[in-house]
Amino acid sequence: MFKKKSIYVVTLLLGICLICVSLFLRSEEFKKISGICIGVGTSLLGMRIANLYMKKIEQRNPELKKRNEIELKDERNTIIRN
């Protein structure tokens, strides 16, 4: 679990770094790269904040974690996802 949490934190920091890089690339020649960095950085930031928040909630409620694991492995839900 610690390994997975550390991956979330590293990608969260990567998202913040990409946003900062995009702020430094304000000239016209780097406008496209700046836009890509903002898009990827904000999506990484939002996704990882949500993942860390869900991990924190699951640590407090083991019943919720167990129910989510059952729903993830349920064959009907797997067929619907595919």
PDB file of N, CA and C in Angstrom:
ATOM      1  N   MET A   1       0.821  -1.185   0.000  1.00  0.00           N
ATOM      2  CA  MET A   1       0.000   0.000   0.000  1.00  0.00           C
ATOM      3  C   MET A   1       0.869   1.254   0.000  1.00  0.00           C
ATOM      4  N   PHE A   2       1.969   1.212   0.719  1.00  0.00           N
ATOM      5  CA  PHE A   2       2.851   2.382   0.767  1.00  0.00           C
ATOM      6  C   PHE A   2       3.432   2.659  -0.615  1.00  0.00           C
ATOM      7  N   LYS A   3       3.710   1.584  -1.360  1.00  0.00           N
ATOM      8  CA  LYS A   3       4.271   1.749  -2.694  1.00  0.00           C
ATOM      9  C   LYS A   3       3.277   2.471  -3.602  1.00  0.00           C
ATOM     10  N   LYS A   4       2.022   2.088  -3.526  1.00  0.00           N
ATOM     11  CA  LYS A   4       1.003   2.714  -4.360  1.00  0.00           C
ATOM     12  C   LYS A   4       0.781   4.174  -3.960  1.00  0.00           C
ATOM     13  N   LYS A   5       0.818   4.446  -2.676  1.00  0.00           N
ATOM     14  CA  LYS A   5       0.640   5.807  -2.195  1.00  0.00           C
ATOM     15  C   LYS A   5       1.798   6.696  -2.625  1.00  0.00           C
ATOM     16  N   SER A   6       3.001   6.146  -2.626  1.00  0.00           N
ATOM     17  CA  SER A   6       4.155   6.943  -3.040  1.00  0.00           C
ATOM     18  C   SER A   6       4.094   7.263  -4.525  1.00  0.00           C
ATOM     19  N   ILE A   7       3.558   6.353  -5.336  1.00  0.00           N
ATOM     20  CA  ILE A   7       3.379   6.633  -6.764  1.00  0.00           C
ATOM     21  C   ILE A   7       2.391   7.779  -6.946  1.00  0.00           C
ATOM     22  N   TYR A   8       1.329   7.787  -6.156  1.00  0.00           N
ATOM     23  CA  TYR A   8       0.360   8.879  -6.232  1.00  0.00           C
ATOM     24  C   TYR A   8       1.012  10.211  -5.882  1.00  0.00           C
ATOM     25  N   VAL A   9       1.830  10.228  -4.852  1.00  0.00           N
ATOM     26  CA  VAL A   9       2.478  11.469  -4.427  1.00  0.00           C
ATOM     27  C   VAL A   9       3.482  11.941  -5.481  1.00  0.00           C
ATOM     28  N   VAL A  10       4.233  11.011  -6.075  1.00  0.00           N
ATOM     29  CA  VAL A  10       5.216  11.386  -7.092  1.00  0.00           C
ATOM     30  C   VAL A  10       4.517  11.971  -8.318  1.00  0.00           C
ATOM     31  N   THR A  11       3.431  11.354  -8.768  1.00  0.00           N
ATOM     32  CA  THR A  11       2.728  11.895  -9.930  1.00  0.00           C
ATOM     33  C   THR A  11       2.020  13.205  -9.592  1.00  0.00           C
ATOM     34  N   LEU A  12       1.612  13.379  -8.348  1.00  0.00           N
ATOM     35  CA  LEU A  12       1.051  14.660  -7.911  1.00  0.00           C
ATOM     36  C   LEU A  12       2.100  15.758  -8.024  1.00  0.00           C
ATOM     37  N   LEU A  13       3.304  15.473  -7.565  1.00  0.00           N
ATOM     38  CA  LEU A  13       4.399  16.444  -7.673  1.00  0.00           C
ATOM     39  C   LEU A  13       4.774  16.693  -9.135  1.00  0.00           C
ATOM     40  N   LEU A  14       4.705  15.671  -9.966  1.00  0.00           N
ATOM     41  CA  LEU A  14       4.981  15.834 -11.388  1.00  0.00           C
ATOM     42  C   LEU A  14       3.956  16.770 -12.029  1.00  0.00           C
ATOM     43  N   GLY A  15       2.697  16.646 -11.637  1.00  0.00           N
ATOM     44  CA  GLY A  15       1.667  17.544 -12.142  1.00  0.00           C
ATOM     45  C   GLY A  15       1.923  18.985 -11.738  1.00  0.00           C
ATOM     46  N   ILE A  16       2.327  19.184 -10.497  1.00  0.00           N
ATOM     47  CA  ILE A  16       2.643  20.542 -10.027  1.00  0.00           C
ATOM     48  C   ILE A  16       3.837  21.104 -10.796  1.00  0.00           C
ATOM     49  N   CYS A  17       4.834  20.262 -11.035  1.00  0.00           N
ATOM     50  CA  CYS A  17       6.018  20.709 -11.798  1.00  0.00           C
ATOM     51  C   CYS A  17       5.643  21.082 -13.230  1.00  0.00           C
ATOM     52  N   LEU A  18       4.769  20.308 -13.857  1.00  0.00           N
ATOM     53  CA  LEU A  18       4.347  20.623 -15.223  1.00  0.00           C
ATOM     54  C   LEU A  18       3.594  21.948 -15.287  1.00  0.00           C
ATOM     55  N   ILE A  19       2.774  22.221 -14.282  1.00  0.00           N
ATOM     56  CA  ILE A  19       2.066  23.499 -14.239  1.00  0.00           C
ATOM     57  C   ILE A  19       3.061  24.642 -14.085  1.00  0.00           C
ATOM     58  N   CYS A  20       4.060  24.455 -13.228  1.00  0.00           N
ATOM     59  CA  CYS A  20       5.085  25.500 -13.047  1.00  0.00           C
ATOM     60  C   CYS A  20       5.894  25.716 -14.321  1.00  0.00           C
ATOM     61  N   VAL A  21       6.226  24.641 -15.023  1.00  0.00           N
ATOM     62  CA  VAL A  21       6.972  24.766 -16.275  1.00  0.00           C
ATOM     63  C   VAL A  21       6.154  25.550 -17.298  1.00  0.00           C
ATOM     64  N   SER A  22       4.861  25.280 -17.334  1.00  0.00           N
ATOM     65  CA  SER A  22       4.020  25.987 -18.305  1.00  0.00           C
ATOM     66  C   SER A  22       3.950  27.482 -18.011  1.00  0.00           C
ATOM     67  N   LEU A  23       4.095  27.864 -16.761  1.00  0.00           N
ATOM     68  CA  LEU A  23       4.083  29.291 -16.422  1.00  0.00           C
ATOM     69  C   LEU A  23       5.349  29.995 -16.903  1.00  0.00           C
ATOM     70  N   PHE A  24       6.460  29.258 -16.990  1.00  0.00           N
ATOM     71  CA  PHE A  24       7.699  29.854 -17.471  1.00  0.00           C
ATOM     72  C   PHE A  24       7.768  29.916 -18.998  1.00  0.00           C
ATOM     73  N   LEU A  25       6.988  29.102 -19.679  1.00  0.00           N
ATOM     74  CA  LEU A  25       7.009  29.064 -21.144  1.00  0.00           C
ATOM     75  C   LEU A  25       5.904  29.970 -21.709  1.00  0.00           C
ATOM     76  N   ARG A  26       5.997  31.246 -21.491  1.00  0.00           N
ATOM     77  CA  ARG A  26       4.956  32.174 -21.906  1.00  0.00           C
ATOM     78  C   ARG A  26       5.185  32.802 -23.284  1.00  0.00           C
ATOM     79  N   SER A  27       6.327  32.582 -23.918  1.00  0.00           N
ATOM     80  CA  SER A  27       6.577  33.221 -25.201  1.00  0.00           C
ATOM     81  C   SER A  27       5.738  32.556 -26.302  1.00  0.00           C
ATOM     82  N   GLU A  28       5.607  33.224 -27.432  1.00  0.00           N
ATOM     83  CA  GLU A  28       4.774  32.739 -28.533  1.00  0.00           C
ATOM     84  C   GLU A  28       5.270  31.418 -29.110  1.00  0.00           C
ATOM     85  N   GLU A  29       6.577  31.222 -29.140  1.00  0.00           N
ATOM     86  CA  GLU A  29       7.106  30.009 -29.757  1.00  0.00           C
ATOM     87  C   GLU A  29       6.860  28.765 -28.911  1.00  0.00           C
ATOM     88  N   PHE A  30       6.622  28.926 -27.617  1.00  0.00           N
ATOM     89  CA  PHE A  30       6.362  27.785 -26.738  1.00  0.00           C
ATOM     90  C   PHE A  30       4.905  27.712 -26.282  1.00  0.00           C
ATOM     91  N   LYS A  31       4.009  28.388 -26.974  1.00  0.00           N
ATOM     92  CA  LYS A  31       2.616  28.448 -26.544  1.00  0.00           C
ATOM     93  C   LYS A  31       1.943  27.065 -26.573  1.00  0.00           C
ATOM     94  N   LYS A  32       2.221  26.280 -27.602  1.00  0.00           N
ATOM     95  CA  LYS A  32       1.619  24.936 -27.704  1.00  0.00           C
ATOM     96  C   LYS A  32       2.136  24.016 -26.601  1.00  0.00           C
ATOM     97  N   ILE A  33       3.427  24.074 -26.348  1.00  0.00           N
ATOM     98  CA  ILE A  33       4.019  23.236 -25.294  1.00  0.00           C
ATOM     99  C   ILE A  33       3.479  23.647 -23.929  1.00  0.00           C
ATOM    100  N   SER A  34       3.307  24.948 -23.742  1.00  0.00           N
ATOM    101  CA  SER A  34       2.759  25.439 -22.481  1.00  0.00           C
ATOM    102  C   SER A  34       1.336  24.925 -22.270  1.00  0.00           C
ATOM    103  N   GLY A  35       0.541  24.927 -23.323  1.00  0.00           N
ATOM    104  CA  GLY A  35      -0.831  24.411 -23.224  1.00  0.00           C
ATOM    105  C   GLY A  35      -0.884  22.932 -22.896  1.00  0.00           C
ATOM    106  N   ILE A  36       0.007  22.175 -23.515  1.00  0.00           N
ATOM    107  CA  ILE A  36       0.074  20.733 -23.230  1.00  0.00           C
ATOM    108  C   ILE A  36       0.486  20.499 -21.782  1.00  0.00           C
ATOM    109  N   CYS A  37       1.463  21.263 -21.305  1.00  0.00           N
ATOM    110  CA  CYS A  37       1.925  21.106 -19.912  1.00  0.00           C
ATOM    111  C   CYS A  37       0.816  21.451 -18.923  1.00  0.00           C
ATOM    112  N   ILE A  38       0.052  22.504 -19.219  1.00  0.00           N
ATOM    113  CA  ILE A  38      -1.060  22.871 -18.334  1.00  0.00           C
ATOM    114  C   ILE A  38      -2.112  21.765 -18.315  1.00  0.00           C
ATOM    115  N   GLY A  39      -2.456  21.249 -19.490  1.00  0.00           N
ATOM    116  CA  GLY A  39      -3.474  20.197 -19.563  1.00  0.00           C
ATOM    117  C   GLY A  39      -3.070  18.927 -18.840  1.00  0.00           C
ATOM    118  N   VAL A  40      -1.880  18.454 -19.100  1.00  0.00           N
ATOM    119  CA  VAL A  40      -1.407  17.214 -18.471  1.00  0.00           C
ATOM    120  C   VAL A  40      -1.200  17.433 -16.971  1.00  0.00           C
ATOM    121  N   GLY A  41      -0.641  18.577 -16.607  1.00  0.00           N
ATOM    122  CA  GLY A  41      -0.375  18.860 -15.192  1.00  0.00           C
ATOM    123  C   GLY A  41      -1.650  18.953 -14.363  1.00  0.00           C
ATOM    124  N   THR A  42      -2.653  19.662 -14.880  1.00  0.00           N
ATOM    125  CA  THR A  42      -3.897  19.781 -14.110  1.00  0.00           C
ATOM    126  C   THR A  42      -4.651  18.464 -14.035  1.00  0.00           C
ATOM    127  N   SER A  43      -4.598  17.666 -15.112  1.00  0.00           N
ATOM    128  CA  SER A  43      -5.281  16.374 -15.043  1.00  0.00           C
ATOM    129  C   SER A  43      -4.588  15.438 -14.055  1.00  0.00           C
ATOM    130  N   LEU A  44      -3.259  15.419 -14.052  1.00  0.00           N
ATOM    131  CA  LEU A  44      -2.530  14.608 -13.064  1.00  0.00           C
ATOM    132  C   LEU A  44      -2.822  15.077 -11.645  1.00  0.00           C
ATOM    133  N   LEU A  45      -2.839  16.381 -11.457  1.00  0.00           N
ATOM    134  CA  LEU A  45      -3.083  16.949 -10.140  1.00  0.00           C
ATOM    135  C   LEU A  45      -4.467  16.549  -9.618  1.00  0.00           C
ATOM    136  N   GLY A  46      -5.487  16.739 -10.440  1.00  0.00           N
ATOM    137  CA  GLY A  46      -6.845  16.404 -10.010  1.00  0.00           C
ATOM    138  C   GLY A  46      -7.048  14.923  -9.764  1.00  0.00           C
ATOM    139  N   MET A  47      -6.501  14.100 -10.662  1.00  0.00           N
ATOM    140  CA  MET A  47      -6.671  12.659 -10.534  1.00  0.00           C
ATOM    141  C   MET A  47      -5.995  12.122  -9.279  1.00  0.00           C
ATOM    142  N   ARG A  48      -4.797  12.581  -9.009  1.00  0.00           N
ATOM    143  CA  ARG A  48      -4.058  12.065  -7.858  1.00  0.00           C
ATOM    144  C   ARG A  48      -4.591  12.597  -6.533  1.00  0.00           C
ATOM    145  N   ILE A  49      -5.095  13.811  -6.515  1.00  0.00           N
ATOM    146  CA  ILE A  49      -5.733  14.316  -5.290  1.00  0.00           C
ATOM    147  C   ILE A  49      -6.951  13.462  -4.969  1.00  0.00           C
ATOM    148  N   ALA A  50      -7.733  13.137  -5.992  1.00  0.00           N
ATOM    149  CA  ALA A  50      -8.913  12.286  -5.779  1.00  0.00           C
ATOM    150  C   ALA A  50      -8.518  10.893  -5.302  1.00  0.00           C
ATOM    151  N   ASN A  51      -7.455  10.321  -5.891  1.00  0.00           N
ATOM    152  CA  ASN A  51      -7.004   8.989  -5.476  1.00  0.00           C
ATOM    153  C   ASN A  51      -6.513   8.980  -4.031  1.00  0.00           C
ATOM    154  N   LEU A  52      -5.732   9.983  -3.648  1.00  0.00           N
ATOM    155  CA  LEU A  52      -5.246  10.052  -2.268  1.00  0.00           C
ATOM    156  C   LEU A  52      -6.395  10.257  -1.285  1.00  0.00           C
ATOM    157  N   TYR A  53      -7.381  11.049  -1.679  1.00  0.00           N
ATOM    158  CA  TYR A  53      -8.551  11.276  -0.823  1.00  0.00           C
ATOM    159  C   TYR A  53      -9.338   9.975  -0.629  1.00  0.00           C
ATOM    160  N   MET A  54      -9.505   9.204  -1.715  1.00  0.00           N
ATOM    161  CA  MET A  54     -10.214   7.931  -1.597  1.00  0.00           C
ATOM    162  C   MET A  54      -9.440   6.939  -0.731  1.00  0.00           C
ATOM    163  N   LYS A  55      -8.117   6.938  -0.840  1.00  0.00           N
ATOM    164  CA  LYS A  55      -7.312   6.060   0.020  1.00  0.00           C
ATOM    165  C   LYS A  55      -7.489   6.422   1.487  1.00  0.00           C
ATOM    166  N   LYS A  56      -7.546   7.723   1.763  1.00  0.00           N
ATOM    167  CA  LYS A  56      -7.726   8.171   3.141  1.00  0.00           C
ATOM    168  C   LYS A  56      -9.097   7.747   3.672  1.00  0.00           C
ATOM    169  N   ILE A  57     -10.128   7.871   2.840  1.00  0.00           N
ATOM    170  CA  ILE A  57     -11.473   7.454   3.254  1.00  0.00           C
ATOM    171  C   ILE A  57     -11.527   5.943   3.472  1.00  0.00           C
ATOM    172  N   GLU A  58     -10.869   5.180   2.583  1.00  0.00           N
ATOM    173  CA  GLU A  58     -10.869   3.726   2.731  1.00  0.00           C
ATOM    174  C   GLU A  58     -10.112   3.275   3.971  1.00  0.00           C
ATOM    175  N   GLN A  59      -9.102   4.016   4.390  1.00  0.00           N
ATOM    176  CA  GLN A  59      -8.389   3.665   5.619  1.00  0.00           C
ATOM    177  C   GLN A  59      -9.282   3.860   6.833  1.00  0.00           C
ATOM    178  N   ARG A  60     -10.121   4.863   6.786  1.00  0.00           N
ATOM    179  CA  ARG A  60     -11.024   5.124   7.918  1.00  0.00           C
ATOM    180  C   ARG A  60     -12.201   4.168   7.943  1.00  0.00           C
ATOM    181  N   ASN A  61     -12.650   3.707   6.773  1.00  0.00           N
ATOM    182  CA  ASN A  61     -13.807   2.811   6.675  1.00  0.00           C
ATOM    183  C   ASN A  61     -13.399   1.513   5.983  1.00  0.00           C
ATOM    184  N   PRO A  62     -12.969   0.508   6.721  1.00  0.00           N
ATOM    185  CA  PRO A  62     -12.579  -0.753   6.074  1.00  0.00           C
ATOM    186  C   PRO A  62     -13.754  -1.450   5.382  1.00  0.00           C
ATOM    187  N   GLU A  63     -14.978  -1.214   5.871  1.00  0.00           N
ATOM    188  CA  GLU A  63     -16.151  -1.815   5.231  1.00  0.00           C
ATOM    189  C   GLU A  63     -16.334  -1.260   3.823  1.00  0.00           C
ATOM    190  N   LEU A  64     -16.108   0.023   3.663  1.00  0.00           N
ATOM    191  CA  LEU A  64     -16.222   0.662   2.355  1.00  0.00           C
ATOM    192  C   LEU A  64     -15.169   0.107   1.403  1.00  0.00           C
ATOM    193  N   LYS A  65     -13.977  -0.110   1.888  1.00  0.00           N
ATOM    194  CA  LYS A  65     -12.903  -0.670   1.070  1.00  0.00           C
ATOM    195  C   LYS A  65     -13.267  -2.074   0.604  1.00  0.00           C
ATOM    196  N   LYS A  66     -13.803  -2.868   1.512  1.00  0.00           N
ATOM    197  CA  LYS A  66     -14.185  -4.234   1.174  1.00  0.00           C
ATOM    198  C   LYS A  66     -15.306  -4.243   0.142  1.00  0.00           C
ATOM    199  N   ARG A  67     -16.285  -3.344   0.307  1.00  0.00           N
ATOM    200  CA  ARG A  67     -17.407  -3.264  -0.633  1.00  0.00           C
ATOM    201  C   ARG A  67     -16.923  -2.819  -2.024  1.00  0.00           C
ATOM    202  N   ASN A  68     -15.984  -1.869  -2.067  1.00  0.00           N
ATOM    203  CA  ASN A  68     -15.447  -1.414  -3.352  1.00  0.00           C
ATOM    204  C   ASN A  68     -14.660  -2.519  -4.056  1.00  0.00           C
ATOM    205  N   GLU A  69     -13.923  -3.318  -3.292  1.00  0.00           N
ATOM    206  CA  GLU A  69     -13.173  -4.429  -3.888  1.00  0.00           C
ATOM    207  C   GLU A  69     -14.124  -5.480  -4.451  1.00  0.00           C
ATOM    208  N   ILE A  70     -15.212  -5.753  -3.740  1.00  0.00           N
ATOM    209  CA  ILE A  70     -16.197  -6.727  -4.222  1.00  0.00           C
ATOM    210  C   ILE A  70     -16.848  -6.227  -5.502  1.00  0.00           C
ATOM    211  N   GLU A  71     -17.210  -4.933  -5.539  1.00  0.00           N
ATOM    212  CA  GLU A  71     -17.827  -4.372  -6.740  1.00  0.00           C
ATOM    213  C   GLU A  71     -16.857  -4.367  -7.913  1.00  0.00           C
ATOM    214  N   LEU A  72     -15.584  -4.167  -7.654  1.00  0.00           N
ATOM    215  CA  LEU A  72     -14.588  -4.159  -8.718  1.00  0.00           C
ATOM    216  C   LEU A  72     -14.414  -5.545  -9.319  1.00  0.00           C
ATOM    217  N   LYS A  73     -14.482  -6.575  -8.482  1.00  0.00           N
ATOM    218  CA  LYS A  73     -14.261  -7.946  -8.952  1.00  0.00           C
ATOM    219  C   LYS A  73     -15.549  -8.639  -9.396  1.00  0.00           C
ATOM    220  N   ASP A  74     -16.688  -7.991  -9.234  1.00  0.00           N
ATOM    221  CA  ASP A  74     -17.968  -8.592  -9.613  1.00  0.00           C
ATOM    222  C   ASP A  74     -18.017  -8.785 -11.125  1.00  0.00           C
ATOM    223  N   GLU A  75     -18.413  -9.987 -11.557  1.00  0.00           N
ATOM    224  CA  GLU A  75     -18.384 -10.296 -12.981  1.00  0.00           C
ATOM    225  C   GLU A  75     -19.401  -9.481 -13.775  1.00  0.00           C
ATOM    226  N   ARG A  76     -20.526  -9.153 -13.190  1.00  0.00           N
ATOM    227  CA  ARG A  76     -21.511  -8.333 -13.918  1.00  0.00           C
ATOM    228  C   ARG A  76     -20.962  -6.936 -14.191  1.00  0.00           C
ATOM    229  N   ASN A  77     -20.328  -6.340 -13.187  1.00  0.00           N
ATOM    230  CA  ASN A  77     -19.743  -5.019 -13.384  1.00  0.00           C
ATOM    231  C   ASN A  77     -18.585  -5.054 -14.384  1.00  0.00           C
ATOM    232  N   THR A  78     -17.831  -6.146 -14.391  1.00  0.00           N
ATOM    233  CA  THR A  78     -16.733  -6.291 -15.344  1.00  0.00           C
ATOM    234  C   THR A  78     -17.271  -6.347 -16.761  1.00  0.00           C
ATOM    235  N   ILE A  79     -18.358  -7.078 -16.968  1.00  0.00           N
ATOM    236  CA  ILE A  79     -18.971  -7.163 -18.299  1.00  0.00           C
ATOM    237  C   ILE A  79     -19.493  -5.795 -18.726  1.00  0.00           C
ATOM    238  N   ILE A  80     -20.089  -5.065 -17.828  1.00  0.00           N
ATOM    239  CA  ILE A  80     -20.610  -3.719 -18.149  1.00  0.00           C
ATOM    240  C   ILE A  80     -19.463  -2.783 -18.511  1.00  0.00           C
ATOM    241  N   ARG A  81     -18.350  -2.848 -17.767  1.00  0.00           N
ATOM    242  CA  ARG A  81     -17.201  -1.984 -18.059  1.00  0.00           C
ATOM    243  C   ARG A  81     -16.584  -2.302 -19.417  1.00  0.00           C
ATOM    244  N   ASN A  82     -16.569  -3.585 -19.772  1.00  0.00           N
ATOM    245  CA  ASN A  82     -15.957  -3.978 -21.053  1.00  0.00           C
ATOM    246  C   ASN A  82     -16.908  -3.661 -22.192  1.00  0.00           C
TER     247      ASN A  82
END
